[in-house]
């Protein structure tokens, strides 16, 4: 089981700014995140709870960014793909 998240703007277009914002907010909430959650048997219940809690907090900021634009919340520039054209 490996949930992969796709981040879109309010026009439902894939958006690197929204993806970067989600990564930023997850890191603020204590979870290193690149858009994929790969749970394994070494994760404890507390680990999964930490991820879920961090994601919940991230979604609050994400919802605001959908209305106001990610630029108001993102520190720095959106990430850019290195080895491919699209994120």
Protein backbone atom coordinates (compact mmCIF):
# COMPACT_ATOMS: atom_id res chain seq x y z
CA UNK A 1 0.00 0.00 0.00
CA UNK A 2 1.53 3.28 -1.08
CA UNK A 3 -0.69 6.36 -1.36
CA UNK A 4 0.63 8.88 -3.87
CA UNK A 5 -0.79 12.38 -3.67
CA UNK A 6 -1.34 14.67 -6.63
CA UNK A 7 -1.60 18.35 -5.81
CA UNK A 8 -3.85 20.59 -7.87
CA UNK A 9 -4.80 24.25 -7.86
CA UNK A 10 -8.35 25.60 -7.75
CA UNK A 11 -8.63 25.05 -11.53
CA UNK A 12 -7.91 21.35 -10.91
CA UNK A 13 -4.57 21.62 -12.76
CA UNK A 14 -1.50 19.83 -11.40
CA UNK A 15 0.46 22.57 -9.60
CA UNK A 16 4.07 22.47 -8.42
CA UNK A 17 3.39 25.45 -6.13
CA UNK A 18 0.66 23.58 -4.29
CA UNK A 19 2.87 20.47 -4.10
CA UNK A 20 5.72 22.52 -2.66
CA UNK A 21 3.34 24.12 -0.17
CA UNK A 22 2.16 20.70 0.99
CA UNK A 23 5.77 19.56 1.42
CA UNK A 24 6.59 22.75 3.35
CA UNK A 25 3.64 22.36 5.68
CA UNK A 26 4.30 18.67 6.33
CA UNK A 27 7.89 19.50 7.26
CA UNK A 28 6.61 22.26 9.58
CA UNK A 29 4.44 19.59 11.18
CA UNK A 30 7.38 17.23 11.70
CA UNK A 31 7.10 14.90 8.69
CA UNK A 32 9.54 14.74 5.76
CA UNK A 33 7.22 14.36 2.77
CA UNK A 34 7.49 14.38 -1.01
CA UNK A 35 3.96 13.45 -1.97
CA UNK A 36 4.11 9.74 -1.14
CA UNK A 37 3.39 7.85 2.07
CA UNK A 38 5.05 4.45 2.28
CA UNK A 39 4.00 2.77 5.52
CA UNK A 40 5.74 -0.40 6.62
CA UNK A 41 5.63 -2.80 9.54
CA UNK A 42 8.36 -0.90 11.37
CA UNK A 43 6.04 2.12 11.70
CA UNK A 44 4.28 2.28 15.01
CA UNK A 45 0.72 3.42 15.58
CA UNK A 46 2.20 6.69 16.85
CA UNK A 47 4.14 7.13 13.58
CA UNK A 48 0.97 6.77 11.54
CA UNK A 49 -0.88 9.11 13.89
CA UNK A 50 1.91 11.70 13.48
CA UNK A 51 1.56 11.50 9.69
CA UNK A 52 -2.24 11.77 9.84
CA UNK A 53 -2.11 14.72 12.24
CA UNK A 54 0.52 16.51 10.14
CA UNK A 55 -1.51 15.90 6.99
CA UNK A 56 -4.66 17.24 8.63
CA UNK A 57 -2.85 20.46 9.56
CA UNK A 58 -1.39 20.69 6.08
CA UNK A 59 -4.83 20.37 4.50
CA UNK A 60 -6.04 23.41 6.43
CA UNK A 61 -3.32 25.57 4.90
CA UNK A 62 -3.87 23.89 1.52
CA UNK A 63 -7.57 24.79 1.61
CA UNK A 64 -6.70 28.42 2.33
CA UNK A 65 -4.17 28.42 -0.51
CA UNK A 66 -6.82 27.13 -2.91
CA UNK A 67 -8.82 30.28 -2.19
CA UNK A 68 -6.04 32.83 -1.76
CA UNK A 69 -3.26 31.42 -3.96
CA UNK A 70 -0.27 29.42 -2.71
CA UNK A 71 2.04 32.43 -3.11
CA UNK A 72 0.70 33.90 0.14
CA UNK A 73 1.72 30.81 2.11
CA UNK A 74 4.77 29.42 0.36
CA UNK A 75 8.21 30.43 1.62
CA UNK A 76 10.49 30.51 -1.39
CA UNK A 77 9.90 29.22 -4.91
CA UNK A 78 7.98 26.14 -6.07
CA UNK A 79 10.09 23.06 -6.68
CA UNK A 80 11.03 22.19 -10.25
CA UNK A 81 11.44 18.75 -11.77
CA UNK A 82 15.05 17.62 -12.22
CA UNK A 83 14.86 14.49 -14.37
CA UNK A 84 11.42 14.82 -15.93
CA UNK A 85 9.19 17.47 -17.44
CA UNK A 86 6.35 17.22 -14.95
CA UNK A 87 5.97 16.62 -11.23
